[in-house]
């Protein structure tokens, strides 16, 4: 075989080998298995809620990852900070606020109040902020808010829990107690009209953030923005519409 044919044969083998190496499927390593999902703060809050029933935990809201919960130094601003005065103040109660809806249509409103980078909230500060905002420590060791017309057996309008699992304040009296943040939440349907619940919960979030000197954030730990408040208001209005429809159907029967 002459040298030219040998060169052509060698080049052909190289090309074939290159094609094989380029398109062969890489083997999956057993060590690349995805890590187990960690429980989210929303899951913790739903377990705390007294009205929660088994089989009703599905929601459309994104989960809050509890990974690196103590490193609250990185915040993302999606717009200018929003104030409670920026929301509409009209309150309309046109039907029973506790009218049940399909479990998938229930809404959980969540705000986070986070300590500034490098700081933490201590027990006495949390207790003072709770008292100033009208919250009382409940039987589940979280703080509940009820207005003056409600008795202690009425469902809370909103509550706040420790941002660190399992979410309660059982060790609040301890001198060593400290937390990087608290999570304020309200569930719809609740004892008040949905709009009133939203407005009151946002007001309480601002009050707690002011008392604690913390940063008011949304459920994803981003600084609360007008865009996020608008998104929550849309969910509240959608819930109110579904609740109106459910109430009308009940009246027909």
Foldseek 3Di string as FASTA:
>chain_A
DDPVVVVVVVVVVVVVVVVCVVPDDDDDDPVPDDDDDDDFVVVLVLVLAPPRDPPLPDEPDDTADCVVVVQLADAAAPADFDDLVPDDDDDDDDDQLQQDFPSHLKDKFKKKWFAHGPDWFALVLQVVLCVVLQWDQDPSQWTFHDDPVDDPPFRGLKIKFANDPNTHCPVSPPRPDIGRIMMIMGIPSGNGQLVVSLSSSSVSLVSSCVSRVTAMGGNNSHGDHPVVSVVVVVSSVVSNVRSVVSRVVVVVD
